[in-house]
C-alpha atoms as a PDB file:
ATOM      1  CA  MET A   1      -7.392  23.771 -85.843  1.00  0.00           C
ATOM      2  CA  LYS A   2      -9.724  26.190 -84.080  1.00  0.00           C
ATOM      3  CA  SER A   3      -8.415  25.237 -80.639  1.00  0.00           C
ATOM      4  CA  GLU A   4      -4.819  25.595 -81.845  1.00  0.00           C
ATOM      5  CA  ILE A   5      -5.549  29.048 -83.251  1.00  0.00           C
ATOM      6  CA  GLU A   6      -7.241  29.981 -79.977  1.00  0.00           C
ATOM      7  CA  ARG A   7      -4.164  28.721 -78.117  1.00  0.00           C
ATOM      8  CA  CYS A   8      -1.959  30.960 -80.269  1.00  0.00           C
ATOM      9  CA  ASP A   9      -4.362  33.868 -79.734  1.00  0.00           C
ATOM     10  CA  ASN A  10      -4.080  33.341 -75.976  1.00  0.00           C
ATOM     11  CA  ILE A  11      -0.282  33.202 -76.096  1.00  0.00           C
ATOM     12  CA  GLU A  12      -0.281  36.400 -78.146  1.00  0.00           C
ATOM     13  CA  GLU A  13      -2.631  38.161 -75.711  1.00  0.00           C
ATOM     14  CA  ASP A  14      -0.678  36.958 -72.677  1.00  0.00           C
ATOM     15  CA  LYS A  15       2.621  38.118 -74.126  1.00  0.00           C
ATOM     16  CA  GLY A  16       1.075  41.430 -75.149  1.00  0.00           C
ATOM     17  CA  ALA A  17       3.243  44.288 -76.342  1.00  0.00           C
ATOM     18  CA  ILE A  18       6.998  43.899 -76.277  1.00  0.00           C
ATOM     19  CA  ALA A  19       9.127  46.778 -75.031  1.00  0.00           C
ATOM     20  CA  PHE A  20      12.476  47.075 -76.779  1.00  0.00           C
ATOM     21  CA  ASP A  21      15.627  48.443 -75.201  1.00  0.00           C
ATOM     22  CA  SER A  22      16.221  52.106 -76.036  1.00  0.00           C
ATOM     23  CA  ALA A  23      19.629  51.225 -77.528  1.00  0.00           C
ATOM     24  CA  ILE A  24      17.905  49.056 -80.153  1.00  0.00           C
ATOM     25  CA  LEU A  25      15.306  51.721 -80.907  1.00  0.00           C
ATOM     26  CA  GLU A  26      17.712  54.644 -81.067  1.00  0.00           C
ATOM     27  CA  GLY A  27      20.429  52.763 -82.930  1.00  0.00           C
ATOM     28  CA  SER A  28      18.313  51.519 -85.822  1.00  0.00           C
ATOM     29  CA  PRO A  29      16.366  53.189 -88.622  1.00  0.00           C
ATOM     30  CA  ARG A  30      12.589  52.985 -88.201  1.00  0.00           C
ATOM     31  CA  GLU A  31      12.141  51.057 -91.469  1.00  0.00           C
ATOM     32  CA  GLN A  32      14.555  48.343 -90.320  1.00  0.00           C
ATOM     33  CA  LEU A  33      12.744  48.051 -87.003  1.00  0.00           C
ATOM     34  CA  LEU A  34       9.382  47.757 -88.753  1.00  0.00           C
ATOM     35  CA  ILE A  35      10.709  45.056 -91.084  1.00  0.00           C
ATOM     36  CA  GLY A  36      12.273  43.124 -88.219  1.00  0.00           C
ATOM     37  CA  ILE A  37       9.371  43.322 -85.797  1.00  0.00           C
ATOM     38  CA  GLY A  38       6.812  42.673 -88.544  1.00  0.00           C
ATOM     39  CA  HIS A  39       8.652  39.617 -89.816  1.00  0.00           C
ATOM     40  CA  LEU A  40       9.061  38.153 -86.334  1.00  0.00           C
ATOM     41  CA  HIS A  41       5.376  38.671 -85.606  1.00  0.00           C
ATOM     42  CA  PHE A  42       4.255  36.784 -88.722  1.00  0.00           C
ATOM     43  CA  HIS A  43       6.974  34.137 -88.368  1.00  0.00           C
ATOM     44  CA  ASN A  44       6.162  33.394 -84.728  1.00  0.00           C
ATOM     45  CA  ARG A  45       2.448  33.232 -85.435  1.00  0.00           C
ATOM     46  CA  PHE A  46       2.960  30.883 -88.396  1.00  0.00           C
ATOM     47  CA  GLU A  47       5.208  28.627 -86.312  1.00  0.00           C
ATOM     48  CA  CYS A  48       2.673  28.544 -83.478  1.00  0.00           C
ATOM     49  CA  GLU A  49      -0.055  27.373 -85.869  1.00  0.00           C
ATOM     50  CA  LYS A  50       2.136  24.990 -87.872  1.00  0.00           C
ATOM     51  CA  GLN A  51       0.957  21.699 -86.342  1.00  0.00           C
ATOM     52  CA  ALA A  52      -2.695  22.630 -86.769  1.00  0.00           C
ATOM     53  CA  ARG A  53      -2.077  23.737 -90.346  1.00  0.00           C
ATOM     54  CA  ARG A  54      -0.406  20.417 -91.144  1.00  0.00           C
ATOM     55  CA  ALA A  55      -3.276  18.458 -89.593  1.00  0.00           C
ATOM     56  CA  VAL A  56      -5.849  20.297 -91.715  1.00  0.00           C
ATOM     57  CA  ALA A  57      -3.705  19.864 -94.824  1.00  0.00           C
ATOM     58  CA  PHE A  58      -3.516  16.119 -94.104  1.00  0.00           C
ATOM     59  CA  ASP A  59      -7.301  15.962 -93.743  1.00  0.00           C
ATOM     60  CA  ILE A  60      -7.739  17.807 -97.031  1.00  0.00           C
ATOM     61  CA  GLY A  61      -5.323  15.412 -98.728  1.00  0.00           C
ATOM     62  CA  THR A  62      -7.250  12.469 -97.340  1.00  0.00           C
ATOM     63  CA  MET A  63     -10.540  13.883 -98.622  1.00  0.00           C
ATOM     64  CA  GLN A  64      -8.942  14.428-102.000  1.00  0.00           C
ATOM     65  CA  ALA A  65      -7.513  10.887-102.127  1.00  0.00           C
ATOM     66  CA  LEU A  66     -10.877   9.400-101.208  1.00  0.00           C
ATOM     67  CA  GLY A  67     -12.702  11.604-103.667  1.00  0.00           C
ATOM     68  CA  SER A  68     -15.053  12.636-100.872  1.00  0.00           C
ATOM     69  CA  SER A  69     -15.115  16.339-101.608  1.00  0.00           C
ATOM     70  CA  ASP A  70     -17.266  18.466-103.870  1.00  0.00           C
ATOM     71  CA  VAL A  71     -14.348  20.875-104.222  1.00  0.00           C
ATOM     72  CA  SER A  72     -12.112  20.541-107.266  1.00  0.00           C
ATOM     73  CA  PRO A  73      -8.640  19.017-106.810  1.00  0.00           C
ATOM     74  CA  GLU A  74      -7.072  22.306-107.917  1.00  0.00           C
ATOM     75  CA  GLU A  75      -8.950  24.221-105.232  1.00  0.00           C
ATOM     76  CA  LEU A  76      -7.963  21.677-102.592  1.00  0.00           C
ATOM     77  CA  GLN A  77      -4.315  21.916-103.612  1.00  0.00           C
ATOM     78  CA  SER A  78      -4.492  25.705-103.421  1.00  0.00           C
ATOM     79  CA  VAL A  79      -5.939  25.565 -99.914  1.00  0.00           C
ATOM     80  CA  ASN A  80      -3.321  23.010 -98.908  1.00  0.00           C
ATOM     81  CA  ARG A  81      -0.493  25.228-100.174  1.00  0.00           C
ATOM     82  CA  SER A  82      -1.827  28.209 -98.242  1.00  0.00           C
ATOM     83  CA  LEU A  83      -2.010  26.133 -95.063  1.00  0.00           C
ATOM     84  CA  ILE A  84       1.432  24.568 -95.250  1.00  0.00           C
ATOM     85  CA  TYR A  85       3.596  27.259 -96.812  1.00  0.00           C
ATOM     86  CA  PRO A  86       4.124  30.913 -95.956  1.00  0.00           C
ATOM     87  CA  SER A  87       2.541  33.343 -98.395  1.00  0.00           C
ATOM     88  CA  LYS A  88       4.544  35.116-101.082  1.00  0.00           C
ATOM     89  CA  GLN A  89       4.254  38.311 -99.031  1.00  0.00           C
ATOM     90  CA  GLN A  90       5.628  36.566 -95.929  1.00  0.00           C
ATOM     91  CA  LEU A  91       8.557  35.157 -97.916  1.00  0.00           C
ATOM     92  CA  GLU A  92       9.337  38.563 -99.405  1.00  0.00           C
ATOM     93  CA  TYR A  93       9.258  40.045 -95.901  1.00  0.00           C
ATOM     94  CA  GLU A  94      11.601  37.321 -94.683  1.00  0.00           C
ATOM     95  CA  LEU A  95      14.068  38.163 -97.462  1.00  0.00           C
ATOM     96  CA  ARG A  96      13.981  41.805 -96.414  1.00  0.00           C
ATOM     97  CA  TYR A  97      14.483  40.701 -92.817  1.00  0.00           C
ATOM     98  CA  LEU A  98      17.548  38.648 -93.764  1.00  0.00           C
ATOM     99  CA  GLU A  99      19.063  41.781 -95.325  1.00  0.00           C
ATOM    100  CA  LEU A 100      18.998  43.568 -91.953  1.00  0.00           C
ATOM    101  CA  PRO A 101      22.277  43.816 -90.029  1.00  0.00           C
ATOM    102  CA  SER A 102      22.875  40.562 -88.161  1.00  0.00           C
ATOM    103  CA  ASP A 103      23.338  42.345 -84.825  1.00  0.00           C
ATOM    104  CA  LEU A 104      19.908  43.978 -85.172  1.00  0.00           C
ATOM    105  CA  ARG A 105      18.303  40.634 -86.050  1.00  0.00           C
ATOM    106  CA  SER A 106      19.968  39.038 -83.025  1.00  0.00           C
ATOM    107  CA  ASP A 107      18.796  41.826 -80.703  1.00  0.00           C
ATOM    108  CA  LEU A 108      15.228  41.664 -82.021  1.00  0.00           C
ATOM    109  CA  GLU A 109      15.092  37.861 -81.811  1.00  0.00           C
ATOM    110  CA  ALA A 110      16.491  37.875 -78.268  1.00  0.00           C
ATOM    111  CA  THR A 111      13.884  40.410 -77.167  1.00  0.00           C
ATOM    112  CA  VAL A 112      10.902  38.911 -79.007  1.00  0.00           C
ATOM    113  CA  GLY A 113      11.541  35.223 -78.420  1.00  0.00           C
ATOM    114  CA  GLN A 114       9.605  32.573 -80.315  1.00  0.00           C
ATOM    115  CA  GLU A 115       6.031  33.150 -79.177  1.00  0.00           C
ATOM    116  CA  PRO A 116       3.370  35.200 -80.935  1.00  0.00           C
ATOM    117  CA  PHE A 117       2.966  38.779 -79.712  1.00  0.00           C
ATOM    118  CA  LEU A 118       0.682  41.728 -80.381  1.00  0.00           C
ATOM    119  CA  LEU A 119       2.138  43.563 -83.359  1.00  0.00           C
ATOM    120  CA  MET A 120       0.270  46.868 -83.338  1.00  0.00           C
ATOM    121  CA  GLU A 121       0.518  47.225 -79.578  1.00  0.00           C
ATOM    122  CA  THR A 122       4.263  46.540 -79.786  1.00  0.00           C
ATOM    123  CA  LEU A 123       4.703  49.184 -82.486  1.00  0.00           C
ATOM    124  CA  LYS A 124       2.714  51.689 -80.430  1.00  0.00           C
ATOM    125  CA  ALA A 125       4.534  50.864 -77.185  1.00  0.00           C
ATOM    126  CA  ASN A 126       7.847  51.562 -78.896  1.00  0.00           C
ATOM    127  CA  ASP A 127       6.653  54.722 -80.644  1.00  0.00           C
ATOM    128  CA  LEU A 128       7.145  53.186 -84.086  1.00  0.00           C
ATOM    129  CA  THR A 129       3.747  53.968 -85.575  1.00  0.00           C
ATOM    130  CA  GLU A 130       4.403  57.672 -86.017  1.00  0.00           C
ATOM    131  CA  ARG A 131       8.127  58.099 -85.425  1.00  0.00           C
ATOM    132  CA  GLY A 132      10.142  59.563 -88.260  1.00  0.00           C
ATOM    133  CA  SER A 133      12.984  57.678 -89.917  1.00  0.00           C
END
């Protein structure tokens, strides 16, 4: 999993900050932009790590089935859930994202793509960290 996370880190670093078209920035409220960009950051990162997460979850399940772990079954299941499924916070953010206007979602998705990117640098590059609503 470590190498997969490093691979995602490298993709994120290589992609760097994303610059959005001024029409997107000027035509949308700041809060909507923050929700959209934030969701896409977490979604893309989760998707990048998905295979590694599944592999670790499989290993944990195997350890549990073989009884070869000193960790309780409840703790193993909790770790497994956190590896395989998005967190409650991520799901709540996704619901907020889905409430955004579809044209804004389409514009953000087209600009961001499907790879991880640097969130804070993207917000700064687009003047979204201190811009008023």
